[in-house]
C-alpha atoms as a PDB file:
ATOM      1  CA  MET A   1      78.887  97.865  91.549  1.00  0.00           C
ATOM      2  CA  SER A   2      81.453  95.864  93.492  1.00  0.00           C
ATOM      3  CA  ASP A   3      84.829  97.191  94.544  1.00  0.00           C
ATOM      4  CA  LEU A   4      87.853  96.323  92.438  1.00  0.00           C
ATOM      5  CA  PRO A   5      90.033  93.564  93.897  1.00  0.00           C
ATOM      6  CA  PHE A   6      93.163  95.715  93.631  1.00  0.00           C
ATOM      7  CA  THR A   7      94.380  99.263  94.128  1.00  0.00           C
ATOM      8  CA  LEU A   8      96.600 101.460  91.997  1.00  0.00           C
ATOM      9  CA  ASP A   9      99.278 101.186  94.686  1.00  0.00           C
ATOM     10  CA  GLN A  10      99.179  97.392  94.417  1.00  0.00           C
ATOM     11  CA  LEU A  11      99.582  97.660  90.641  1.00  0.00           C
ATOM     12  CA  ARG A  12     102.556 100.006  91.135  1.00  0.00           C
ATOM     13  CA  ILE A  13     104.104  97.501  93.535  1.00  0.00           C
ATOM     14  CA  LEU A  14     103.575  94.616  91.103  1.00  0.00           C
ATOM     15  CA  LYS A  15     105.181  96.648  88.320  1.00  0.00           C
ATOM     16  CA  ALA A  16     108.158  97.560  90.518  1.00  0.00           C
ATOM     17  CA  ILE A  17     108.743  93.940  91.570  1.00  0.00           C
ATOM     18  CA  ALA A  18     108.637  92.801  87.954  1.00  0.00           C
ATOM     19  CA  ALA A  19     111.054  95.572  86.927  1.00  0.00           C
ATOM     20  CA  GLU A  20     113.471  95.158  89.836  1.00  0.00           C
ATOM     21  CA  GLY A  21     113.336  91.370  90.102  1.00  0.00           C
ATOM     22  CA  SER A  22     112.977  91.306  93.866  1.00  0.00           C
ATOM     23  CA  PHE A  23     110.665  92.447  96.605  1.00  0.00           C
ATOM     24  CA  LYS A  24     113.508  94.210  98.455  1.00  0.00           C
ATOM     25  CA  ARG A  25     114.721  96.214  95.451  1.00  0.00           C
ATOM     26  CA  ALA A  26     111.113  97.069  94.536  1.00  0.00           C
ATOM     27  CA  ALA A  27     110.545  98.323  98.091  1.00  0.00           C
ATOM     28  CA  ASP A  28     113.696 100.445  97.888  1.00  0.00           C
ATOM     29  CA  SER A  29     112.617 101.946  94.539  1.00  0.00           C
ATOM     30  CA  LEU A  30     109.187 102.810  95.974  1.00  0.00           C
ATOM     31  CA  TYR A  31     110.624 104.151  99.262  1.00  0.00           C
ATOM     32  CA  VAL A  32     108.624 101.706 101.377  1.00  0.00           C
ATOM     33  CA  SER A  33     109.638  98.772 103.552  1.00  0.00           C
ATOM     34  CA  GLN A  34     110.011  95.259 102.180  1.00  0.00           C
ATOM     35  CA  PRO A  35     107.387  93.911 104.625  1.00  0.00           C
ATOM     36  CA  ALA A  36     104.907  96.502 103.316  1.00  0.00           C
ATOM     37  CA  VAL A  37     105.507  95.298  99.750  1.00  0.00           C
ATOM     38  CA  SER A  38     105.126  91.656 100.806  1.00  0.00           C
ATOM     39  CA  LEU A  39     101.897  92.439 102.658  1.00  0.00           C
ATOM     40  CA  GLN A  40     100.418  94.221  99.631  1.00  0.00           C
ATOM     41  CA  VAL A  41     101.303  91.293  97.368  1.00  0.00           C
ATOM     42  CA  GLN A  42      99.767  88.832  99.845  1.00  0.00           C
ATOM     43  CA  ASN A  43      96.584  90.935 100.008  1.00  0.00           C
ATOM     44  CA  LEU A  44      96.466  91.177  96.219  1.00  0.00           C
ATOM     45  CA  GLU A  45      96.908  87.419  95.797  1.00  0.00           C
ATOM     46  CA  ARG A  46      94.224  86.777  98.405  1.00  0.00           C
ATOM     47  CA  GLN A  47      91.800  89.246  96.788  1.00  0.00           C
ATOM     48  CA  LEU A  48      92.338  87.729  93.335  1.00  0.00           C
ATOM     49  CA  ASP A  49      92.532  84.182  94.731  1.00  0.00           C
ATOM     50  CA  VAL A  50      95.544  83.375  92.539  1.00  0.00           C
ATOM     51  CA  PRO A  51      99.324  83.308  93.087  1.00  0.00           C
ATOM     52  CA  LEU A  52     101.130  86.071  91.208  1.00  0.00           C
ATOM     53  CA  PHE A  53     104.705  84.944  91.919  1.00  0.00           C
ATOM     54  CA  ASP A  54     106.453  81.585  91.904  1.00  0.00           C
ATOM     55  CA  ARG A  55     108.043  81.323  95.317  1.00  0.00           C
ATOM     56  CA  GLY A  56     111.366  79.550  95.629  1.00  0.00           C
ATOM     57  CA  GLY A  57     114.011  81.186  93.464  1.00  0.00           C
ATOM     58  CA  ARG A  58     116.178  84.147  94.362  1.00  0.00           C
ATOM     59  CA  ARG A  59     114.507  86.266  91.694  1.00  0.00           C
ATOM     60  CA  ALA A  60     110.794  87.160  91.838  1.00  0.00           C
ATOM     61  CA  GLN A  61     109.206  85.270  88.928  1.00  0.00           C
ATOM     62  CA  LEU A  62     105.693  86.146  87.799  1.00  0.00           C
ATOM     63  CA  THR A  63     103.181  83.364  87.237  1.00  0.00           C
ATOM     64  CA  GLU A  64     100.968  83.422  84.157  1.00  0.00           C
ATOM     65  CA  ALA A  65      98.335  85.267  86.196  1.00  0.00           C
ATOM     66  CA  GLY A  66     101.043  87.691  87.355  1.00  0.00           C
ATOM     67  CA  HIS A  67     102.057  88.414  83.762  1.00  0.00           C
ATOM     68  CA  LEU A  68      98.418  88.967  82.813  1.00  0.00           C
ATOM     69  CA  LEU A  69      97.806  91.356  85.710  1.00  0.00           C
ATOM     70  CA  LEU A  70     101.074  93.177  84.980  1.00  0.00           C
ATOM     71  CA  SER A  71     100.057  93.673  81.348  1.00  0.00           C
ATOM     72  CA  TYR A  72      96.647  95.102  82.223  1.00  0.00           C
ATOM     73  CA  GLY A  73      98.005  96.962  85.242  1.00  0.00           C
ATOM     74  CA  ASP A  74     100.588  98.701  83.085  1.00  0.00           C
ATOM     75  CA  ARG A  75      97.825  99.888  80.752  1.00  0.00           C
ATOM     76  CA  ILE A  76      95.706 101.043  83.700  1.00  0.00           C
ATOM     77  CA  LEU A  77      98.588 103.034  85.212  1.00  0.00           C
ATOM     78  CA  THR A  78      99.408 104.585  81.835  1.00  0.00           C
ATOM     79  CA  LEU A  79      95.774 105.650  81.380  1.00  0.00           C
ATOM     80  CA  CYS A  80      95.770 107.171  84.863  1.00  0.00           C
ATOM     81  CA  GLN A  81      98.882 109.207  84.017  1.00  0.00           C
ATOM     82  CA  GLU A  82      97.379 110.315  80.689  1.00  0.00           C
ATOM     83  CA  THR A  83      94.163 111.311  82.449  1.00  0.00           C
ATOM     84  CA  CYS A  84      96.060 113.443  84.961  1.00  0.00           C
ATOM     85  CA  ARG A  85      98.041 115.128  82.158  1.00  0.00           C
ATOM     86  CA  ALA A  86      94.856 115.807  80.141  1.00  0.00           C
ATOM     87  CA  ILE A  87      93.112 117.363  83.137  1.00  0.00           C
ATOM     88  CA  GLU A  88      96.187 119.476  83.888  1.00  0.00           C
ATOM     89  CA  ASP A  89      96.343 120.582  80.237  1.00  0.00           C
ATOM     90  CA  LEU A  90      92.677 121.521  80.357  1.00  0.00           C
ATOM     91  CA  GLN A  91      93.211 123.538  83.529  1.00  0.00           C
ATOM     92  CA  ASN A  92      96.197 125.313  81.956  1.00  0.00           C
ATOM     93  CA  LEU A  93      94.362 125.912  78.662  1.00  0.00           C
ATOM     94  CA  GLN A  94      96.703 123.504  76.883  1.00  0.00           C
ATOM     95  CA  GLY A  95      93.849 121.397  75.567  1.00  0.00           C
ATOM     96  CA  GLY A  96      90.116 121.464  75.032  1.00  0.00           C
ATOM     97  CA  THR A  97      87.845 123.442  72.754  1.00  0.00           C
ATOM     98  CA  LEU A  98      86.570 127.000  72.985  1.00  0.00           C
ATOM     99  CA  ILE A  99      83.049 127.267  71.556  1.00  0.00           C
ATOM    100  CA  ILE A 100      81.610 130.731  70.924  1.00  0.00           C
ATOM    101  CA  GLY A 101      78.120 131.647  69.813  1.00  0.00           C
ATOM    102  CA  ALA A 102      77.770 135.053  68.208  1.00  0.00           C
ATOM    103  CA  SER A 103      75.565 137.122  65.986  1.00  0.00           C
ATOM    104  CA  GLN A 104      76.316 137.257  62.282  1.00  0.00           C
ATOM    105  CA  THR A 105      77.907 140.712  62.524  1.00  0.00           C
ATOM    106  CA  THR A 106      80.032 139.913  65.561  1.00  0.00           C
ATOM    107  CA  GLY A 107      81.021 136.539  64.117  1.00  0.00           C
ATOM    108  CA  THR A 108      81.999 138.084  60.796  1.00  0.00           C
ATOM    109  CA  TYR A 109      83.817 141.240  61.898  1.00  0.00           C
ATOM    110  CA  LEU A 110      85.062 140.913  65.478  1.00  0.00           C
ATOM    111  CA  LEU A 111      85.610 137.278  66.338  1.00  0.00           C
ATOM    112  CA  PRO A 112      88.061 136.254  63.584  1.00  0.00           C
ATOM    113  CA  ARG A 113      90.718 138.587  65.007  1.00  0.00           C
ATOM    114  CA  MET A 114      89.954 137.515  68.577  1.00  0.00           C
ATOM    115  CA  ILE A 115      90.053 133.831  67.653  1.00  0.00           C
ATOM    116  CA  GLY A 116      93.385 134.451  65.878  1.00  0.00           C
ATOM    117  CA  LEU A 117      94.815 135.943  69.071  1.00  0.00           C
ATOM    118  CA  PHE A 118      93.400 133.073  71.125  1.00  0.00           C
ATOM    119  CA  ARG A 119      95.029 130.519  68.793  1.00  0.00           C
ATOM    120  CA  GLN A 120      98.370 132.327  69.073  1.00  0.00           C
ATOM    121  CA  HIS A 121      98.269 132.116  72.861  1.00  0.00           C
ATOM    122  CA  TYR A 122      96.744 128.624  73.077  1.00  0.00           C
ATOM    123  CA  PRO A 123      97.779 126.696  69.938  1.00  0.00           C
ATOM    124  CA  ARG A 124      96.786 123.303  71.353  1.00  0.00           C
ATOM    125  CA  CYS A 125      93.162 124.373  71.970  1.00  0.00           C
ATOM    126  CA  GLY A 126      90.516 124.083  69.294  1.00  0.00           C
ATOM    127  CA  SER A 127      87.907 126.722  68.625  1.00  0.00           C
ATOM    128  CA  ALA A 128      84.513 126.931  66.965  1.00  0.00           C
ATOM    129  CA  ILE A 129      82.231 129.840  66.177  1.00  0.00           C
ATOM    130  CA  THR A 130      78.489 129.438  65.768  1.00  0.00           C
ATOM    131  CA  CYS A 131      76.678 132.233  63.929  1.00  0.00           C
ATOM    132  CA  PRO A 132      73.031 131.877  62.921  1.00  0.00           C
ATOM    133  CA  LEU A 133      72.407 132.441  59.205  1.00  0.00           C
ATOM    134  CA  HIS A 134      68.871 133.632  59.799  1.00  0.00           C
ATOM    135  CA  PRO A 135      68.274 134.897  63.314  1.00  0.00           C
ATOM    136  CA  PRO A 136      64.806 134.260  64.743  1.00  0.00           C
ATOM    137  CA  ASN A 137      62.244 137.025  64.137  1.00  0.00           C
ATOM    138  CA  GLY A 138      64.679 138.804  61.834  1.00  0.00           C
ATOM    139  CA  LEU A 139      66.674 140.155  64.797  1.00  0.00           C
ATOM    140  CA  GLU A 140      70.307 139.561  65.541  1.00  0.00           C
ATOM    141  CA  ARG A 141      71.076 138.393  69.054  1.00  0.00           C
ATOM    142  CA  CYS A 142      73.919 139.919  71.036  1.00  0.00           C
END
């Protein structure tokens, strides 16, 4: 699999330039130097082999390719943020599913109360209980 022709930082820079209207203001908003922003845009244009900005005016104007990359880049950055939030939620038990396997007796008499307490503490997590109807060899498993 080949490497992608852009980085997330380059997409952030493109988004900032489009939002701010200039390379200098984008650099200021990202707390980097204007030459660093210009260099990243030059590298991005070279890697994609297409101009992303019309040079000439006082305001940074995206080309058609620039608008296309901005549209997809925005979606990519949003998905990255959502992914980070989902992983953080999972780590903090704010998302995910608890799956418990139990014997018929345990599943009937003990787990409903425990699952109720779990749901009170972690309302955004799902839960599922699996209890065999007919345990193998007529024995319940613990």
